[in-house]
Amino acid sequence: MYPAQNYVGEKKISQLTLDIYPFTGKGESCYEHYQDDGESFDYRSGSYNLYDFILKRSGNLIEINISKTREAYGEKYQSFKFIINGIKPLEFLVDGQTGKIENDDDQFSFTVSNTAKKIDLKF
């Protein structure tokens, strides 16, 4: 999700927000996010970024892996915000360190830096 804009480039987008509805049971889902300037044809010469988000669920554990498969566009996201719907974690780790939850309703959210690689949610 991006903030509302009246035209491409009106606001600098430094955070990508992902609104996630985890599936029940065991499984895996993937999302590949493409980023470029949205205006020019520079992507044709390779000026774009690709981010892969892989969510794996097994029992009461959700693991989210983040990887940057291409970093050739200069305007990189500074952070990623995750909104997780339908579960409340008992434990939340970012790269092995306890994370900070931003709210706790029917959904919860958290923000990680663009260097984060792995998020573990135990519920």
PDB file of N, CA and C in Angstrom:
ATOM      1  N   MET A   1       0.847  -1.175   0.000  1.00  0.00           N
ATOM      2  CA  MET A   1       0.000   0.000   0.000  1.00  0.00           C
ATOM      3  C   MET A   1       0.890   1.234   0.000  1.00  0.00           C
ATOM      4  N   TYR A   2       0.454   2.228  -0.718  1.00  0.00           N
ATOM      5  CA  TYR A   2       1.143   3.510  -0.778  1.00  0.00           C
ATOM      6  C   TYR A   2       0.216   4.597  -0.253  1.00  0.00           C
ATOM      7  N   PRO A   3       0.756   5.702   0.228  1.00  0.00           N
ATOM      8  CA  PRO A   3      -0.111   6.823   0.600  1.00  0.00           C
ATOM      9  C   PRO A   3      -0.780   7.411  -0.645  1.00  0.00           C
ATOM     10  N   ALA A   4      -1.926   8.024  -0.453  1.00  0.00           N
ATOM     11  CA  ALA A   4      -2.642   8.642  -1.577  1.00  0.00           C
ATOM     12  C   ALA A   4      -1.797   9.753  -2.188  1.00  0.00           C
ATOM     13  N   GLN A   5      -1.820   9.818  -3.528  1.00  0.00           N
ATOM     14  CA  GLN A   5      -1.098  10.853  -4.261  1.00  0.00           C
ATOM     15  C   GLN A   5      -1.988  11.350  -5.396  1.00  0.00           C
ATOM     16  N   ASN A   6      -1.844  12.606  -5.754  1.00  0.00           N
ATOM     17  CA  ASN A   6      -2.587  13.161  -6.883  1.00  0.00           C
ATOM     18  C   ASN A   6      -1.881  12.895  -8.209  1.00  0.00           C
ATOM     19  N   TYR A   7      -0.573  12.672  -8.143  1.00  0.00           N
ATOM     20  CA  TYR A   7       0.202  12.364  -9.348  1.00  0.00           C
ATOM     21  C   TYR A   7       1.473  11.632  -8.939  1.00  0.00           C
ATOM     22  N   VAL A   8       2.045  10.873  -9.863  1.00  0.00           N
ATOM     23  CA  VAL A   8       3.268  10.122  -9.598  1.00  0.00           C
ATOM     24  C   VAL A   8       4.375  11.083  -9.196  1.00  0.00           C
ATOM     25  N   GLY A   9       5.043  10.783  -8.096  1.00  0.00           N
ATOM     26  CA  GLY A   9       6.145  11.607  -7.638  1.00  0.00           C
ATOM     27  C   GLY A   9       5.756  12.753  -6.724  1.00  0.00           C
ATOM     28  N   GLU A  10       4.455  12.899  -6.417  1.00  0.00           N
ATOM     29  CA  GLU A  10       4.031  13.977  -5.523  1.00  0.00           C
ATOM     30  C   GLU A  10       4.692  13.837  -4.153  1.00  0.00           C
ATOM     31  N   LYS A  11       4.790  12.612  -3.658  1.00  0.00           N
ATOM     32  CA  LYS A  11       5.393  12.351  -2.358  1.00  0.00           C
ATOM     33  C   LYS A  11       6.512  11.324  -2.521  1.00  0.00           C
ATOM     34  N   LYS A  12       7.559  11.510  -1.761  1.00  0.00           N
ATOM     35  CA  LYS A  12       8.619  10.515  -1.734  1.00  0.00           C
ATOM     36  C   LYS A  12       8.126   9.338  -0.891  1.00  0.00           C
ATOM     37  N   ILE A  13       8.173   8.159  -1.443  1.00  0.00           N
ATOM     38  CA  ILE A  13       7.707   6.962  -0.750  1.00  0.00           C
ATOM     39  C   ILE A  13       8.915   6.265  -0.130  1.00  0.00           C
ATOM     40  N   SER A  14       9.034   6.339   1.183  1.00  0.00           N
ATOM     41  CA  SER A  14      10.185   5.728   1.851  1.00  0.00           C
ATOM     42  C   SER A  14       9.803   4.454   2.605  1.00  0.00           C
ATOM     43  N   GLN A  15       8.488   4.159   2.674  1.00  0.00           N
ATOM     44  CA  GLN A  15       8.036   2.964   3.384  1.00  0.00           C
ATOM     45  C   GLN A  15       7.009   2.216   2.544  1.00  0.00           C
ATOM     46  N   LEU A  16       7.218   0.918   2.413  1.00  0.00           N
ATOM     47  CA  LEU A  16       6.252   0.051   1.751  1.00  0.00           C
ATOM     48  C   LEU A  16       5.422  -0.617   2.831  1.00  0.00           C
ATOM     49  N   THR A  17       4.088  -0.547   2.710  1.00  0.00           N
ATOM     50  CA  THR A  17       3.188  -1.183   3.664  1.00  0.00           C
ATOM     51  C   THR A  17       2.575  -2.412   3.024  1.00  0.00           C
ATOM     52  N   LEU A  18       2.651  -3.531   3.752  1.00  0.00           N
ATOM     53  CA  LEU A  18       2.067  -4.790   3.295  1.00  0.00           C
ATOM     54  C   LEU A  18       0.957  -5.185   4.250  1.00  0.00           C
ATOM     55  N   ASP A  19      -0.264  -5.332   3.743  1.00  0.00           N
ATOM     56  CA  ASP A  19      -1.439  -5.711   4.514  1.00  0.00           C
ATOM     57  C   ASP A  19      -1.644  -7.210   4.306  1.00  0.00           C
ATOM     58  N   ILE A  20      -1.411  -8.009   5.353  1.00  0.00           N
ATOM     59  CA  ILE A  20      -1.352  -9.470   5.210  1.00  0.00           C
ATOM     60  C   ILE A  20      -2.504 -10.133   5.950  1.00  0.00           C
ATOM     61  N   TYR A  21      -3.150 -11.063   5.266  1.00  0.00           N
ATOM     62  CA  TYR A  21      -4.190 -11.914   5.831  1.00  0.00           C
ATOM     63  C   TYR A  21      -3.658 -13.336   5.769  1.00  0.00           C
ATOM     64  N   PRO A  22      -3.007 -13.819   6.847  1.00  0.00           N
ATOM     65  CA  PRO A  22      -2.376 -15.139   6.791  1.00  0.00           C
ATOM     66  C   PRO A  22      -3.401 -16.247   6.579  1.00  0.00           C
ATOM     67  N   PHE A  23      -3.019 -17.231   5.812  1.00  0.00           N
ATOM     68  CA  PHE A  23      -3.872 -18.386   5.589  1.00  0.00           C
ATOM     69  C   PHE A  23      -3.830 -19.273   6.822  1.00  0.00           C
ATOM     70  N   THR A  24      -4.812 -20.149   6.953  1.00  0.00           N
ATOM     71  CA  THR A  24      -4.822 -21.092   8.069  1.00  0.00           C
ATOM     72  C   THR A  24      -4.137 -22.374   7.615  1.00  0.00           C
ATOM     73  N   GLY A  25      -3.621 -23.113   8.546  1.00  0.00           N
ATOM     74  CA  GLY A  25      -2.947 -24.364   8.206  1.00  0.00           C
ATOM     75  C   GLY A  25      -1.514 -24.132   7.770  1.00  0.00           C
ATOM     76  N   LYS A  26      -0.938 -25.162   7.192  1.00  0.00           N
ATOM     77  CA  LYS A  26       0.462 -25.124   6.771  1.00  0.00           C
ATOM     78  C   LYS A  26       0.540 -24.700   5.312  1.00  0.00           C
ATOM     79  N   GLY A  27       1.533 -23.902   4.980  1.00  0.00           N
ATOM     80  CA  GLY A  27       1.691 -23.496   3.592  1.00  0.00           C
ATOM     81  C   GLY A  27       2.672 -22.363   3.419  1.00  0.00           C
ATOM     82  N   GLU A  28       2.750 -21.886   2.176  1.00  0.00           N
ATOM     83  CA  GLU A  28       3.690 -20.825   1.822  1.00  0.00           C
ATOM     84  C   GLU A  28       3.051 -19.924   0.779  1.00  0.00           C
ATOM     85  N   SER A  29       3.299 -18.628   0.900  1.00  0.00           N
ATOM     86  CA  SER A  29       2.865 -17.689  -0.126  1.00  0.00           C
ATOM     87  C   SER A  29       4.007 -16.722  -0.398  1.00  0.00           C
ATOM     88  N   CYS A  30       3.994 -16.150  -1.598  1.00  0.00           N
ATOM     89  CA  CYS A  30       5.084 -15.265  -2.020  1.00  0.00           C
ATOM     90  C   CYS A  30       4.522 -13.994  -2.647  1.00  0.00           C
ATOM     91  N   TYR A  31       5.273 -12.918  -2.498  1.00  0.00           N
ATOM     92  CA  TYR A  31       4.939 -11.663  -3.150  1.00  0.00           C
ATOM     93  C   TYR A  31       6.235 -11.032  -3.637  1.00  0.00           C
ATOM     94  N   GLU A  32       6.282 -10.666  -4.914  1.00  0.00           N
ATOM     95  CA  GLU A  32       7.432  -9.965  -5.466  1.00  0.00           C
ATOM     96  C   GLU A  32       7.007  -8.526  -5.744  1.00  0.00           C
ATOM     97  N   HIS A  33       7.736  -7.577  -5.170  1.00  0.00           N
ATOM     98  CA  HIS A  33       7.397  -6.161  -5.318  1.00  0.00           C
ATOM     99  C   HIS A  33       8.419  -5.488  -6.229  1.00  0.00           C
ATOM    100  N   TYR A  34       7.908  -4.796  -7.226  1.00  0.00           N
ATOM    101  CA  TYR A  34       8.720  -4.086  -8.214  1.00  0.00           C
ATOM    102  C   TYR A  34       8.693  -2.601  -7.895  1.00  0.00           C
ATOM    103  N   GLN A  35       9.855  -1.934  -7.980  1.00  0.00           N
ATOM    104  CA  GLN A  35       9.932  -0.497  -7.688  1.00  0.00           C
ATOM    105  C   GLN A  35      10.809   0.187  -8.731  1.00  0.00           C
ATOM    106  N   ASP A  36      10.263   1.249  -9.344  1.00  0.00           N
ATOM    107  CA  ASP A  36      11.064   2.126 -10.198  1.00  0.00           C
ATOM    108  C   ASP A  36      10.538   3.552 -10.035  1.00  0.00           C
ATOM    109  N   ASP A  37      10.975   4.469 -10.885  1.00  0.00           N
ATOM    110  CA  ASP A  37      10.563   5.869 -10.708  1.00  0.00           C
ATOM    111  C   ASP A  37       9.126   6.148 -11.139  1.00  0.00           C
ATOM    112  N   GLY A  38       8.499   5.233 -11.850  1.00  0.00           N
ATOM    113  CA  GLY A  38       7.106   5.395 -12.239  1.00  0.00           C
ATOM    114  C   GLY A  38       6.859   6.392 -13.349  1.00  0.00           C
ATOM    115  N   GLU A  39       7.914   6.989 -13.895  1.00  0.00           N
ATOM    116  CA  GLU A  39       7.733   8.019 -14.909  1.00  0.00           C
ATOM    117  C   GLU A  39       8.539   7.763 -16.185  1.00  0.00           C
ATOM    118  N   SER A  40       9.769   7.390 -16.030  1.00  0.00           N
ATOM    119  CA  SER A  40      10.661   7.283 -17.188  1.00  0.00           C
ATOM    120  C   SER A  40      10.709   5.861 -17.742  1.00  0.00           C
ATOM    121  N   PHE A  41      11.511   5.681 -18.759  1.00  0.00           N
ATOM    122  CA  PHE A  41      11.749   4.366 -19.334  1.00  0.00           C
ATOM    123  C   PHE A  41      13.089   3.801 -18.868  1.00  0.00           C
ATOM    124  N   ASP A  42      13.626   4.337 -17.760  1.00  0.00           N
ATOM    125  CA  ASP A  42      14.923   3.877 -17.247  1.00  0.00           C
ATOM    126  C   ASP A  42      14.913   2.408 -16.848  1.00  0.00           C
ATOM    127  N   TYR A  43      13.728   1.857 -16.542  1.00  0.00           N
ATOM    128  CA  TYR A  43      13.638   0.439 -16.193  1.00  0.00           C
ATOM    129  C   TYR A  43      14.144  -0.441 -17.338  1.00  0.00           C
ATOM    130  N   ARG A  44      14.031   0.054 -18.572  1.00  0.00           N
ATOM    131  CA  ARG A  44      14.496  -0.719 -19.731  1.00  0.00           C
ATOM    132  C   ARG A  44      15.995  -0.973 -19.683  1.00  0.00           C
ATOM    133  N   SER A  45      16.710  -0.049 -19.052  1.00  0.00           N
ATOM    134  CA  SER A  45      18.162  -0.235 -18.919  1.00  0.00           C
ATOM    135  C   SER A  45      18.509  -0.818 -17.546  1.00  0.00           C
ATOM    136  N   GLY A  46      17.494  -1.307 -16.817  1.00  0.00           N
ATOM    137  CA  GLY A  46      17.734  -2.023 -15.568  1.00  0.00           C
ATOM    138  C   GLY A  46      17.607  -1.212 -14.303  1.00  0.00           C
ATOM    139  N   SER A  47      17.117   0.011 -14.370  1.00  0.00           N
ATOM    140  CA  SER A  47      17.006   0.858 -13.182  1.00  0.00           C
ATOM    141  C   SER A  47      15.702   0.561 -12.436  1.00  0.00           C
ATOM    142  N   TYR A  48      15.721  -0.521 -11.659  1.00  0.00           N
ATOM    143  CA  TYR A  48      14.578  -0.891 -10.831  1.00  0.00           C
ATOM    144  C   TYR A  48      15.050  -1.796  -9.694  1.00  0.00           C
ATOM    145  N   ASN A  49      14.209  -1.925  -8.683  1.00  0.00           N
ATOM    146  CA  ASN A  49      14.466  -2.791  -7.533  1.00  0.00           C
ATOM    147  C   ASN A  49      13.396  -3.873  -7.480  1.00  0.00           C
ATOM    148  N   LEU A  50      13.779  -5.047  -7.014  1.00  0.00           N
ATOM    149  CA  LEU A  50      12.837  -6.136  -6.774  1.00  0.00           C
ATOM    150  C   LEU A  50      13.001  -6.622  -5.341  1.00  0.00           C
ATOM    151  N   TYR A  51      11.885  -6.772  -4.656  1.00  0.00           N
ATOM    152  CA  TYR A  51      11.863  -7.274  -3.286  1.00  0.00           C
ATOM    153  C   TYR A  51      10.991  -8.532  -3.266  1.00  0.00           C
ATOM    154  N   ASP A  52      11.480  -9.576  -2.616  1.00  0.00           N
ATOM    155  CA  ASP A  52      10.699 -10.805  -2.448  1.00  0.00           C
ATOM    156  C   ASP A  52      10.307 -10.962  -0.990  1.00  0.00           C
ATOM    157  N   PHE A  53       9.037 -11.242  -0.766  1.00  0.00           N
ATOM    158  CA  PHE A  53       8.501 -11.502   0.563  1.00  0.00           C
ATOM    159  C   PHE A  53       7.909 -12.906   0.525  1.00  0.00           C
ATOM    160  N   ILE A  54       8.419 -13.794   1.363  1.00  0.00           N
ATOM    161  CA  ILE A  54       7.930 -15.172   1.419  1.00  0.00           C
ATOM    162  C   ILE A  54       7.391 -15.433   2.813  1.00  0.00           C
ATOM    163  N   LEU A  55       6.123 -15.816   2.894  1.00  0.00           N
ATOM    164  CA  LEU A  55       5.468 -16.118   4.157  1.00  0.00           C
ATOM    165  C   LEU A  55       5.271 -17.620   4.240  1.00  0.00           C
ATOM    166  N   LYS A  56       5.752 -18.215   5.337  1.00  0.00           N
ATOM    167  CA  LYS A  56       5.578 -19.649   5.581  1.00  0.00           C
ATOM    168  C   LYS A  56       4.848 -19.806   6.905  1.00  0.00           C
ATOM    169  N   ARG A  57       3.844 -20.683   6.910  1.00  0.00           N
ATOM    170  CA  ARG A  57       3.113 -20.946   8.154  1.00  0.00           C
ATOM    171  C   ARG A  57       3.150 -22.430   8.442  1.00  0.00           C
ATOM    172  N   SER A  58       3.441 -22.742   9.688  1.00  0.00           N
ATOM    173  CA  SER A  58       3.440 -24.113  10.162  1.00  0.00           C
ATOM    174  C   SER A  58       2.967 -24.094  11.609  1.00  0.00           C
ATOM    175  N   GLY A  59       1.784 -24.636  11.866  1.00  0.00           N
ATOM    176  CA  GLY A  59       1.236 -24.641  13.222  1.00  0.00           C
ATOM    177  C   GLY A  59       1.035 -23.230  13.727  1.00  0.00           C
ATOM    178  N   ASN A  60       1.642 -22.920  14.867  1.00  0.00           N
ATOM    179  CA  ASN A  60       1.501 -21.593  15.473  1.00  0.00           C
ATOM    180  C   ASN A  60       2.708 -20.709  15.196  1.00  0.00           C
ATOM    181  N   LEU A  61       3.351 -20.911  14.072  1.00  0.00           N
ATOM    182  CA  LEU A  61       4.512 -20.115  13.701  1.00  0.00           C
ATOM    183  C   LEU A  61       4.339 -19.578  12.284  1.00  0.00           C
ATOM    184  N   ILE A  62       4.559 -18.283  12.133  1.00  0.00           N
ATOM    185  CA  ILE A  62       4.612 -17.658  10.809  1.00  0.00           C
ATOM    186  C   ILE A  62       5.999 -17.063  10.655  1.00  0.00           C
ATOM    187  N   GLU A  63       6.617 -17.367   9.546  1.00  0.00           N
ATOM    188  CA  GLU A  63       7.944 -16.845   9.223  1.00  0.00           C
ATOM    189  C   GLU A  63       7.825 -16.021   7.951  1.00  0.00           C
ATOM    190  N   ILE A  64       8.352 -14.814   7.994  1.00  0.00           N
ATOM    191  CA  ILE A  64       8.376 -13.957   6.803  1.00  0.00           C
ATOM    192  C   ILE A  64       9.833 -13.686   6.467  1.00  0.00           C
ATOM    193  N   ASN A  65      10.228 -14.064   5.255  1.00  0.00           N
ATOM    194  CA  ASN A  65      11.585 -13.810   4.787  1.00  0.00           C
ATOM    195  C   ASN A  65      11.549 -12.700   3.748  1.00  0.00           C
ATOM    196  N   ILE A  66      12.481 -11.767   3.893  1.00  0.00           N
ATOM    197  CA  ILE A  66      12.573 -10.619   2.994  1.00  0.00           C
ATOM    198  C   ILE A  66      13.909 -10.683   2.276  1.00  0.00           C
ATOM    199  N   SER A  67      13.866 -10.574   0.964  1.00  0.00           N
ATOM    200  CA  SER A  67      15.131 -10.508   0.221  1.00  0.00           C
ATOM    201  C   SER A  67      15.016  -9.469  -0.883  1.00  0.00           C
ATOM    202  N   LYS A  68      16.127  -8.861  -1.183  1.00  0.00           N
ATOM    203  CA  LYS A  68      16.199  -7.903  -2.284  1.00  0.00           C
ATOM    204  C   LYS A  68      16.907  -8.622  -3.421  1.00  0.00           C
ATOM    205  N   THR A  69      16.153  -8.943  -4.460  1.00  0.00           N
ATOM    206  CA  THR A  69      16.731  -9.707  -5.563  1.00  0.00           C
ATOM    207  C   THR A  69      17.357  -8.812  -6.625  1.00  0.00           C
ATOM    208  N   ARG A  70      17.016  -7.533  -6.584  1.00  0.00           N
ATOM    209  CA  ARG A  70      17.641  -6.560  -7.491  1.00  0.00           C
ATOM    210  C   ARG A  70      17.621  -5.191  -6.828  1.00  0.00           C
ATOM    211  N   GLU A  71      18.779  -4.528  -6.816  1.00  0.00           N
ATOM    212  CA  GLU A  71      18.893  -3.178  -6.265  1.00  0.00           C
ATOM    213  C   GLU A  71      19.644  -2.304  -7.255  1.00  0.00           C
ATOM    214  N   ALA A  72      18.917  -1.814  -8.250  1.00  0.00           N
ATOM    215  CA  ALA A  72      19.557  -0.993  -9.277  1.00  0.00           C
ATOM    216  C   ALA A  72      18.877   0.366  -9.455  1.00  0.00           C
ATOM    217  N   TYR A  73      17.886   0.639  -8.635  1.00  0.00           N
ATOM    218  CA  TYR A  73      17.212   1.938  -8.639  1.00  0.00           C
ATOM    219  C   TYR A  73      17.568   2.623  -7.330  1.00  0.00           C
ATOM    220  N   GLY A  74      18.005   3.857  -7.378  1.00  0.00           N
ATOM    221  CA  GLY A  74      18.556   4.560  -6.221  1.00  0.00           C
ATOM    222  C   GLY A  74      17.608   4.839  -5.081  1.00  0.00           C
ATOM    223  N   GLU A  75      16.322   5.016  -5.339  1.00  0.00           N
ATOM    224  CA  GLU A  75      15.357   5.348  -4.280  1.00  0.00           C
ATOM    225  C   GLU A  75      14.856   4.061  -3.627  1.00  0.00           C
ATOM    226  N   LYS A  76      15.568   3.588  -2.646  1.00  0.00           N
ATOM    227  CA  LYS A  76      15.175   2.360  -1.942  1.00  0.00           C
ATOM    228  C   LYS A  76      14.253   2.702  -0.783  1.00  0.00           C
ATOM    229  N   TYR A  77      13.394   1.744  -0.425  1.00  0.00           N
ATOM    230  CA  TYR A  77      12.562   1.921   0.761  1.00  0.00           C
ATOM    231  C   TYR A  77      13.465   1.949   1.986  1.00  0.00           C
ATOM    232  N   GLN A  78      13.122   2.793   2.946  1.00  0.00           N
ATOM    233  CA  GLN A  78      13.861   2.855   4.204  1.00  0.00           C
ATOM    234  C   GLN A  78      13.323   1.843   5.211  1.00  0.00           C
ATOM    235  N   SER A  79      12.041   1.478   5.047  1.00  0.00           N
ATOM    236  CA  SER A  79      11.426   0.532   5.979  1.00  0.00           C
ATOM    237  C   SER A  79      10.243  -0.171   5.311  1.00  0.00           C
ATOM    238  N   PHE A  80       9.816  -1.240   5.992  1.00  0.00           N
ATOM    239  CA  PHE A  80       8.641  -2.003   5.579  1.00  0.00           C
ATOM    240  C   PHE A  80       7.698  -2.059   6.769  1.00  0.00           C
ATOM    241  N   LYS A  81       6.437  -1.728   6.531  1.00  0.00           N
ATOM    242  CA  LYS A  81       5.422  -1.835   7.574  1.00  0.00           C
ATOM    243  C   LYS A  81       4.536  -3.017   7.232  1.00  0.00           C
ATOM    244  N   PHE A  82       4.335  -3.892   8.208  1.00  0.00           N
ATOM    245  CA  PHE A  82       3.481  -5.059   8.034  1.00  0.00           C
ATOM    246  C   PHE A  82       2.245  -4.889   8.887  1.00  0.00           C
ATOM    247  N   ILE A  83       1.087  -5.113   8.288  1.00  0.00           N
ATOM    248  CA  ILE A  83      -0.175  -5.147   9.019  1.00  0.00           C
ATOM    249  C   ILE A  83      -0.654  -6.594   8.916  1.00  0.00           C
ATOM    250  N   ILE A  84      -0.702  -7.287  10.055  1.00  0.00           N
ATOM    251  CA  ILE A  84      -1.089  -8.696  10.084  1.00  0.00           C
ATOM    252  C   ILE A  84      -2.503  -8.769  10.654  1.00  0.00           C
ATOM    253  N   ASN A  85      -3.394  -9.382   9.913  1.00  0.00           N
ATOM    254  CA  ASN A  85      -4.808  -9.461  10.286  1.00  0.00           C
ATOM    255  C   ASN A  85      -5.170 -10.851  10.795  1.00  0.00           C
ATOM    256  N   GLY A  86      -6.008 -10.900  11.823  1.00  0.00           N
ATOM    257  CA  GLY A  86      -6.604 -12.153  12.264  1.00  0.00           C
ATOM    258  C   GLY A  86      -5.826 -12.967  13.284  1.00  0.00           C
ATOM    259  N   ILE A  87      -4.635 -12.561  13.676  1.00  0.00           N
ATOM    260  CA  ILE A  87      -3.889 -13.285  14.703  1.00  0.00           C
ATOM    261  C   ILE A  87      -3.258 -12.286  15.663  1.00  0.00           C
ATOM    262  N   LYS A  88      -2.961 -12.761  16.861  1.00  0.00           N
ATOM    263  CA  LYS A  88      -2.251 -11.939  17.847  1.00  0.00           C
ATOM    264  C   LYS A  88      -1.031 -12.734  18.290  1.00  0.00           C
ATOM    265  N   PRO A  89       0.138 -12.204  18.098  1.00  0.00           N
ATOM    266  CA  PRO A  89       1.341 -12.972  18.434  1.00  0.00           C
ATOM    267  C   PRO A  89       1.634 -12.988  19.934  1.00  0.00           C
ATOM    268  N   LEU A  90       2.208 -14.103  20.364  1.00  0.00           N
ATOM    269  CA  LEU A  90       2.732 -14.185  21.721  1.00  0.00           C
ATOM    270  C   LEU A  90       4.184 -13.729  21.734  1.00  0.00           C
ATOM    271  N   GLU A  91       4.847 -13.974  20.606  1.00  0.00           N
ATOM    272  CA  GLU A  91       6.250 -13.586  20.468  1.00  0.00           C
ATOM    273  C   GLU A  91       6.480 -13.087  19.049  1.00  0.00           C
ATOM    274  N   PHE A  92       7.314 -12.073  18.930  1.00  0.00           N
ATOM    275  CA  PHE A  92       7.563 -11.426  17.646  1.00  0.00           C
ATOM    276  C   PHE A  92       9.058 -11.118  17.564  1.00  0.00           C
ATOM    277  N   LEU A  93       9.741 -11.701  16.600  1.00  0.00           N
ATOM    278  CA  LEU A  93      11.183 -11.517  16.455  1.00  0.00           C
ATOM    279  C   LEU A  93      11.527 -10.991  15.077  1.00  0.00           C
ATOM    280  N   VAL A  94      12.484 -10.058  15.035  1.00  0.00           N
ATOM    281  CA  VAL A  94      13.023  -9.549  13.775  1.00  0.00           C
ATOM    282  C   VAL A  94      14.506  -9.880  13.777  1.00  0.00           C
ATOM    283  N   ASP A  95      14.909 -10.745  12.856  1.00  0.00           N
ATOM    284  CA  ASP A  95      16.301 -11.203  12.798  1.00  0.00           C
ATOM    285  C   ASP A  95      16.790 -11.664  14.165  1.00  0.00           C
ATOM    286  N   GLY A  96      15.927 -12.381  14.891  1.00  0.00           N
ATOM    287  CA  GLY A  96      16.288 -12.953  16.179  1.00  0.00           C
ATOM    288  C   GLY A  96      16.127 -12.032  17.376  1.00  0.00           C
ATOM    289  N   GLN A  97      15.781 -10.777  17.160  1.00  0.00           N
ATOM    290  CA  GLN A  97      15.628  -9.801  18.243  1.00  0.00           C
ATOM    291  C   GLN A  97      14.139  -9.499  18.462  1.00  0.00           C
ATOM    292  N   THR A  98      13.746  -9.303  19.703  1.00  0.00           N
ATOM    293  CA  THR A  98      12.357  -8.989  20.015  1.00  0.00           C
ATOM    294  C   THR A  98      11.938  -7.704  19.313  1.00  0.00           C
ATOM    295  N   GLY A  99      10.784  -7.755  18.638  1.00  0.00           N
ATOM    296  CA  GLY A  99      10.286  -6.599  17.896  1.00  0.00           C
ATOM    297  C   GLY A  99       9.262  -5.818  18.689  1.00  0.00           C
ATOM    298  N   LYS A 100       8.934  -4.637  18.193  1.00  0.00           N
ATOM    299  CA  LYS A 100       7.967  -3.748  18.850  1.00  0.00           C
ATOM    300  C   LYS A 100       6.672  -3.723  18.041  1.00  0.00           C
ATOM    301  N   ILE A 101       5.579  -4.098  18.687  1.00  0.00           N
ATOM    302  CA  ILE A 101       4.262  -4.082  18.062  1.00  0.00           C
ATOM    303  C   ILE A 101       3.680  -2.685  18.207  1.00  0.00           C
ATOM    304  N   GLU A 102       3.095  -2.167  17.126  1.00  0.00           N
ATOM    305  CA  GLU A 102       2.580  -0.802  17.132  1.00  0.00           C
ATOM    306  C   GLU A 102       1.145  -0.690  17.612  1.00  0.00           C
ATOM    307  N   ASN A 103       0.342  -1.717  17.442  1.00  0.00           N
ATOM    308  CA  ASN A 103      -1.010  -1.708  17.989  1.00  0.00           C
ATOM    309  C   ASN A 103      -1.476  -3.147  18.143  1.00  0.00           C
ATOM    310  N   ASP A 104      -2.585  -3.345  18.836  1.00  0.00           N
ATOM    311  CA  ASP A 104      -3.025  -4.705  19.135  1.00  0.00           C
ATOM    312  C   ASP A 104      -4.549  -4.754  19.173  1.00  0.00           C
ATOM    313  N   ASP A 105      -5.176  -4.810  18.009  1.00  0.00           N
ATOM    314  CA  ASP A 105      -6.629  -4.916  17.901  1.00  0.00           C
ATOM    315  C   ASP A 105      -6.933  -6.251  17.229  1.00  0.00           C
ATOM    316  N   ASP A 106      -7.820  -6.251  16.248  1.00  0.00           N
ATOM    317  CA  ASP A 106      -8.051  -7.439  15.428  1.00  0.00           C
ATOM    318  C   ASP A 106      -6.895  -7.631  14.468  1.00  0.00           C
ATOM    319  N   GLN A 107      -6.060  -6.644  14.409  1.00  0.00           N
ATOM    320  CA  GLN A 107      -4.847  -6.711  13.606  1.00  0.00           C
ATOM    321  C   GLN A 107      -3.721  -6.115  14.435  1.00  0.00           C
ATOM    322  N   PHE A 108      -2.522  -6.405  14.047  1.00  0.00           N
ATOM    323  CA  PHE A 108      -1.403  -5.729  14.683  1.00  0.00           C
ATOM    324  C   PHE A 108      -0.440  -5.334  13.590  1.00  0.00           C
ATOM    325  N   SER A 109       0.375  -4.364  13.886  1.00  0.00           N
ATOM    326  CA  SER A 109       1.316  -3.896  12.880  1.00  0.00           C
ATOM    327  C   SER A 109       2.678  -3.660  13.504  1.00  0.00           C
ATOM    328  N   PHE A 110       3.662  -3.659  12.647  1.00  0.00           N
ATOM    329  CA  PHE A 110       5.030  -3.397  13.079  1.00  0.00           C
ATOM    330  C   PHE A 110       5.811  -2.907  11.875  1.00  0.00           C
ATOM    331  N   THR A 111       6.872  -2.191  12.153  1.00  0.00           N
ATOM    332  CA  THR A 111       7.730  -1.646  11.111  1.00  0.00           C
ATOM    333  C   THR A 111       9.136  -2.185  11.317  1.00  0.00           C
ATOM    334  N   VAL A 112       9.771  -2.584  10.216  1.00  0.00           N
ATOM    335  CA  VAL A 112      11.150  -3.064  10.263  1.00  0.00           C
ATOM    336  C   VAL A 112      11.979  -2.242   9.280  1.00  0.00           C
ATOM    337  N   SER A 113      13.262  -2.173   9.543  1.00  0.00           N
ATOM    338  CA  SER A 113      14.144  -1.425   8.641  1.00  0.00           C
ATOM    339  C   SER A 113      14.320  -2.191   7.327  1.00  0.00           C
ATOM    340  N   ASN A 114      14.854  -1.514   6.343  1.00  0.00           N
ATOM    341  CA  ASN A 114      15.052  -2.150   5.033  1.00  0.00           C
ATOM    342  C   ASN A 114      16.170  -3.196   5.057  1.00  0.00           C
ATOM    343  N   THR A 115      16.853  -3.343   6.183  1.00  0.00           N
ATOM    344  CA  THR A 115      17.894  -4.360   6.296  1.00  0.00           C
ATOM    345  C   THR A 115      17.398  -5.655   6.915  1.00  0.00           C
ATOM    346  N   ALA A 116      16.154  -5.672   7.413  1.00  0.00           N
ATOM    347  CA  ALA A 116      15.590  -6.874   8.033  1.00  0.00           C
ATOM    348  C   ALA A 116      15.509  -8.005   7.005  1.00  0.00           C
ATOM    349  N   LYS A 117      15.774  -9.206   7.460  1.00  0.00           N
ATOM    350  CA  LYS A 117      15.755 -10.365   6.564  1.00  0.00           C
ATOM    351  C   LYS A 117      14.717 -11.417   6.971  1.00  0.00           C
ATOM    352  N   LYS A 118      14.462 -11.547   8.291  1.00  0.00           N
ATOM    353  CA  LYS A 118      13.565 -12.605   8.748  1.00  0.00           C
ATOM    354  C   LYS A 118      12.722 -12.132   9.931  1.00  0.00           C
ATOM    355  N   ILE A 119      11.440 -12.416   9.848  1.00  0.00           N
ATOM    356  CA  ILE A 119      10.491 -12.079  10.912  1.00  0.00           C
ATOM    357  C   ILE A 119       9.814 -13.372  11.348  1.00  0.00           C
ATOM    358  N   ASP A 120       9.779 -13.615  12.655  1.00  0.00           N
ATOM    359  CA  ASP A 120       9.121 -14.798  13.214  1.00  0.00           C
ATOM    360  C   ASP A 120       7.985 -14.336  14.113  1.00  0.00           C
ATOM    361  N   LEU A 121       6.816 -14.899  13.893  1.00  0.00           N
ATOM    362  CA  LEU A 121       5.644 -14.614  14.721  1.00  0.00           C
ATOM    363  C   LEU A 121       5.172 -15.921  15.341  1.00  0.00           C
ATOM    364  N   LYS A 122       5.132 -15.973  16.651  1.00  0.00           N
ATOM    365  CA  LYS A 122       4.600 -17.146  17.356  1.00  0.00           C
ATOM    366  C   LYS A 122       3.317 -16.733  18.031  1.00  0.00           C
ATOM    367  N   PHE A 123       2.258 -17.526  17.844  1.00  0.00           N
ATOM    368  CA  PHE A 123       0.955 -17.176  18.397  1.00  0.00           C
ATOM    369  C   PHE A 123       0.253 -18.389  18.960  1.00  0.00           C
TER     370      PHE A 123
END
